[in-house]
PDB file of N, CA and C in Angstrom:
ATOM      1  N   MET A   1    -293.547-104.690 -16.002  1.00  0.00           N
ATOM      2  CA  MET A   1    -293.362-104.027 -14.738  1.00  0.00           C
ATOM      3  C   MET A   1    -291.922-104.145 -14.244  1.00  0.00           C
ATOM      4  N   ILE A   2    -291.330-105.315 -14.346  1.00  0.00           N
ATOM      5  CA  ILE A   2    -289.950-105.495 -13.895  1.00  0.00           C
ATOM      6  C   ILE A   2    -289.015-104.592 -14.691  1.00  0.00           C
ATOM      7  N   LYS A   3    -289.254-104.467 -15.986  1.00  0.00           N
ATOM      8  CA  LYS A   3    -288.407-103.599 -16.813  1.00  0.00           C
ATOM      9  C   LYS A   3    -288.441-102.161 -16.316  1.00  0.00           C
ATOM     10  N   LYS A   4    -289.608-101.672 -15.902  1.00  0.00           N
ATOM     11  CA  LYS A   4    -289.707-100.309 -15.370  1.00  0.00           C
ATOM     12  C   LYS A   4    -288.868-100.160 -14.100  1.00  0.00           C
ATOM     13  N   ILE A   5    -288.891-101.167 -13.254  1.00  0.00           N
ATOM     14  CA  ILE A   5    -288.106-101.126 -12.015  1.00  0.00           C
ATOM     15  C   ILE A   5    -286.617-101.100 -12.347  1.00  0.00           C
ATOM     16  N   VAL A   6    -286.201-102.000 -13.208  1.00  0.00           N
ATOM     17  CA  VAL A   6    -284.788-102.075 -13.586  1.00  0.00           C
ATOM     18  C   VAL A   6    -284.334-100.792 -14.272  1.00  0.00           C
ATOM     19  N   ASP A   7    -285.160-100.252 -15.136  1.00  0.00           N
ATOM     20  CA  ASP A   7    -284.813 -99.013 -15.832  1.00  0.00           C
ATOM     21  C   ASP A   7    -284.660 -97.834 -14.874  1.00  0.00           C
ATOM     22  N   SER A   8    -285.267 -97.914 -13.700  1.00  0.00           N
ATOM     23  CA  SER A   8    -285.174 -96.815 -12.731  1.00  0.00           C
ATOM     24  C   SER A   8    -283.888 -96.884 -11.897  1.00  0.00           C
ATOM     25  N   TRP A   9    -283.171 -98.007 -11.952  1.00  0.00           N
ATOM     26  CA  TRP A   9    -281.936 -98.141 -11.179  1.00  0.00           C
ATOM     27  C   TRP A   9    -280.836 -97.276 -11.783  1.00  0.00           C
ATOM     28  N   PRO A  10    -279.948 -96.745 -10.951  1.00  0.00           N
ATOM     29  CA  PRO A  10    -278.836 -95.954 -11.495  1.00  0.00           C
ATOM     30  C   PRO A  10    -277.865 -96.837 -12.271  1.00  0.00           C
ATOM     31  N   ALA A  11    -277.186 -96.251 -13.243  1.00  0.00           N
ATOM     32  CA  ALA A  11    -276.221 -97.000 -14.049  1.00  0.00           C
ATOM     33  C   ALA A  11    -274.964 -97.316 -13.240  1.00  0.00           C
ATOM     34  N   SER A  12    -274.663 -96.495 -12.255  1.00  0.00           N
ATOM     35  CA  SER A  12    -273.504 -96.748 -11.405  1.00  0.00           C
ATOM     36  C   SER A  12    -273.745 -96.135 -10.035  1.00  0.00           C
ATOM     37  N   ILE A  13    -272.974 -96.571  -9.073  1.00  0.00           N
ATOM     38  CA  ILE A  13    -273.077 -96.067  -7.710  1.00  0.00           C
ATOM     39  C   ILE A  13    -271.691 -95.617  -7.272  1.00  0.00           C
ATOM     40  N   ASN A  14    -271.606 -94.395  -6.788  1.00  0.00           N
ATOM     41  CA  ASN A  14    -270.339 -93.870  -6.301  1.00  0.00           C
ATOM     42  C   ASN A  14    -270.288 -94.078  -4.790  1.00  0.00           C
ATOM     43  N   ASP A  15    -269.421 -94.967  -4.348  1.00  0.00           N
ATOM     44  CA  ASP A  15    -269.324 -95.273  -2.927  1.00  0.00           C
ATOM     45  C   ASP A  15    -268.091 -94.633  -2.266  1.00  0.00           C
ATOM     46  N   ALA A  16    -267.498 -93.638  -2.923  1.00  0.00           N
ATOM     47  CA  ALA A  16    -266.269 -93.012  -2.423  1.00  0.00           C
ATOM     48  C   ALA A  16    -266.443 -92.440  -1.017  1.00  0.00           C
ATOM     49  N   GLU A  17    -267.560 -91.767  -0.768  1.00  0.00           N
ATOM     50  CA  GLU A  17    -267.765 -91.175   0.562  1.00  0.00           C
ATOM     51  C   GLU A  17    -267.954 -92.242   1.627  1.00  0.00           C
ATOM     52  N   ALA A  18    -268.658 -93.311   1.326  1.00  0.00           N
ATOM     53  CA  ALA A  18    -268.842 -94.390   2.296  1.00  0.00           C
ATOM     54  C   ALA A  18    -267.512 -95.058   2.611  1.00  0.00           C
ATOM     55  N   ARG A  19    -266.663 -95.224   1.605  1.00  0.00           N
ATOM     56  CA  ARG A  19    -265.339 -95.798   1.845  1.00  0.00           C
ATOM     57  C   ARG A  19    -264.510 -94.902   2.745  1.00  0.00           C
ATOM     58  N   GLU A  20    -264.573 -93.597   2.465  1.00  0.00           N
ATOM     59  CA  GLU A  20    -263.779 -92.644   3.243  1.00  0.00           C
ATOM     60  C   GLU A  20    -264.334 -92.470   4.660  1.00  0.00           C
ATOM     61  N   ASP A  21    -265.643 -92.262   4.783  1.00  0.00           N
ATOM     62  CA  ASP A  21    -266.257 -91.980   6.083  1.00  0.00           C
ATOM     63  C   ASP A  21    -266.346 -93.209   6.984  1.00  0.00           C
ATOM     64  N   TRP A  22    -266.724 -94.344   6.433  1.00  0.00           N
ATOM     65  CA  TRP A  22    -267.002 -95.530   7.234  1.00  0.00           C
ATOM     66  C   TRP A  22    -266.000 -96.652   7.035  1.00  0.00           C
ATOM     67  N   GLY A  23    -265.098 -96.504   6.079  1.00  0.00           N
ATOM     68  CA  GLY A  23    -264.204 -97.610   5.770  1.00  0.00           C
ATOM     69  C   GLY A  23    -264.934 -98.753   5.086  1.00  0.00           C
ATOM     70  N   TRP A  24    -266.064 -98.430   4.439  1.00  0.00           N
ATOM     71  CA  TRP A  24    -266.882 -99.445   3.781  1.00  0.00           C
ATOM     72  C   TRP A  24    -266.127-100.068   2.618  1.00  0.00           C
ATOM     73  N   LYS A  25    -266.315-101.368   2.425  1.00  0.00           N
ATOM     74  CA  LYS A  25    -265.735-102.077   1.291  1.00  0.00           C
ATOM     75  C   LYS A  25    -266.760-103.093   0.794  1.00  0.00           C
ATOM     76  N   TYR A  26    -266.882-103.188  -0.524  1.00  0.00           N
ATOM     77  CA  TYR A  26    -267.852-104.125  -1.065  1.00  0.00           C
ATOM     78  C   TYR A  26    -267.426-105.569  -0.779  1.00  0.00           C
ATOM     79  N   LYS A  27    -268.421-106.422  -0.646  1.00  0.00           N
ATOM     80  CA  LYS A  27    -268.173-107.832  -0.326  1.00  0.00           C
ATOM     81  C   LYS A  27    -268.125-108.683  -1.596  1.00  0.00           C
ATOM     82  N   PHE A  28    -268.873-108.304  -2.615  1.00  0.00           N
ATOM     83  CA  PHE A  28    -268.982-109.101  -3.826  1.00  0.00           C
ATOM     84  C   PHE A  28    -268.504-108.313  -5.040  1.00  0.00           C
ATOM     85  N   ASP A  29    -267.790-108.987  -5.918  1.00  0.00           N
ATOM     86  CA  ASP A  29    -267.542-108.434  -7.247  1.00  0.00           C
ATOM     87  C   ASP A  29    -268.523-109.143  -8.179  1.00  0.00           C
ATOM     88  N   LEU A  30    -268.481-108.838  -9.453  1.00  0.00           N
ATOM     89  CA  LEU A  30    -269.464-109.405 -10.377  1.00  0.00           C
ATOM     90  C   LEU A  30    -269.418-110.936 -10.397  1.00  0.00           C
ATOM     91  N   ALA A  31    -268.226-111.509 -10.438  1.00  0.00           N
ATOM     92  CA  ALA A  31    -268.110-112.979 -10.505  1.00  0.00           C
ATOM     93  C   ALA A  31    -268.654-113.641  -9.244  1.00  0.00           C
ATOM     94  N   SER A  32    -268.248-113.147  -8.059  1.00  0.00           N
ATOM     95  CA  SER A  32    -268.713-113.778  -6.822  1.00  0.00           C
ATOM     96  C   SER A  32    -270.208-113.537  -6.599  1.00  0.00           C
ATOM     97  N   MET A  33    -270.717-112.385  -7.032  1.00  0.00           N
ATOM     98  CA  MET A  33    -272.148-112.116  -6.915  1.00  0.00           C
ATOM     99  C   MET A  33    -272.941-113.089  -7.786  1.00  0.00           C
ATOM    100  N   THR A  34    -272.467-113.346  -8.994  1.00  0.00           N
ATOM    101  CA  THR A  34    -273.156-114.257  -9.909  1.00  0.00           C
ATOM    102  C   THR A  34    -273.176-115.673  -9.350  1.00  0.00           C
ATOM    103  N   ILE A  35    -272.050-116.122  -8.834  1.00  0.00           N
ATOM    104  CA  ILE A  35    -271.974-117.468  -8.241  1.00  0.00           C
ATOM    105  C   ILE A  35    -272.935-117.589  -7.072  1.00  0.00           C
ATOM    106  N   GLU A  36    -272.927-116.603  -6.186  1.00  0.00           N
ATOM    107  CA  GLU A  36    -273.804-116.622  -5.010  1.00  0.00           C
ATOM    108  C   GLU A  36    -275.274-116.597  -5.421  1.00  0.00           C
ATOM    109  N   MET A  37    -275.605-115.775  -6.388  1.00  0.00           N
ATOM    110  CA  MET A  37    -276.983-115.667  -6.858  1.00  0.00           C
ATOM    111  C   MET A  37    -277.449-116.993  -7.462  1.00  0.00           C
ATOM    112  N   LEU A  38    -276.639-117.599  -8.305  1.00  0.00           N
ATOM    113  CA  LEU A  38    -277.021-118.877  -8.916  1.00  0.00           C
ATOM    114  C   LEU A  38    -277.137-119.979  -7.876  1.00  0.00           C
ATOM    115  N   LYS A  39    -276.249-119.985  -6.906  1.00  0.00           N
ATOM    116  CA  LYS A  39    -276.300-120.974  -5.832  1.00  0.00           C
ATOM    117  C   LYS A  39    -277.618-120.855  -5.067  1.00  0.00           C
ATOM    118  N   ASN A  40    -278.007-119.630  -4.737  1.00  0.00           N
ATOM    119  CA  ASN A  40    -279.238-119.417  -3.985  1.00  0.00           C
ATOM    120  C   ASN A  40    -280.477-119.667  -4.819  1.00  0.00           C
ATOM    121  N   LEU A  41    -280.449-119.344  -6.087  1.00  0.00           N
ATOM    122  CA  LEU A  41    -281.582-119.650  -6.955  1.00  0.00           C
ATOM    123  C   LEU A  41    -281.756-121.161  -7.104  1.00  0.00           C
ATOM    124  N   SER A  42    -280.645-121.884  -7.220  1.00  0.00           N
ATOM    125  CA  SER A  42    -280.714-123.343  -7.331  1.00  0.00           C
ATOM    126  C   SER A  42    -281.273-123.953  -6.065  1.00  0.00           C
ATOM    127  N   ALA A  43    -280.907-123.414  -4.908  1.00  0.00           N
ATOM    128  CA  ALA A  43    -281.412-123.935  -3.629  1.00  0.00           C
ATOM    129  C   ALA A  43    -282.916-123.723  -3.521  1.00  0.00           C
ATOM    130  N   LYS A  44    -283.419-122.610  -4.016  1.00  0.00           N
ATOM    131  CA  LYS A  44    -284.854-122.343  -3.965  1.00  0.00           C
ATOM    132  C   LYS A  44    -285.621-123.279  -4.899  1.00  0.00           C
ATOM    133  N   LYS A  45    -285.000-123.637  -6.012  1.00  0.00           N
ATOM    134  CA  LYS A  45    -285.643-124.482  -7.008  1.00  0.00           C
ATOM    135  C   LYS A  45    -285.779-125.935  -6.516  1.00  0.00           C
ATOM    136  N   ALA A  46    -284.848-126.370  -5.706  1.00  0.00           N
ATOM    137  CA  ALA A  46    -284.821-127.765  -5.236  1.00  0.00           C
ATOM    138  C   ALA A  46    -285.905-128.064  -4.241  1.00  0.00           C
TER     139      ALA A  46
END
């Protein structure tokens, strides 16, 4: 079931309009997202 959900996600997201219209900027890059995710998973495990 999880594989079906993941397979339905888009391969990429174009945020050009959000950046232009709202001044949106992403908060996490891949490295910081991974660190944050592992930190939170470890906290749940404890």
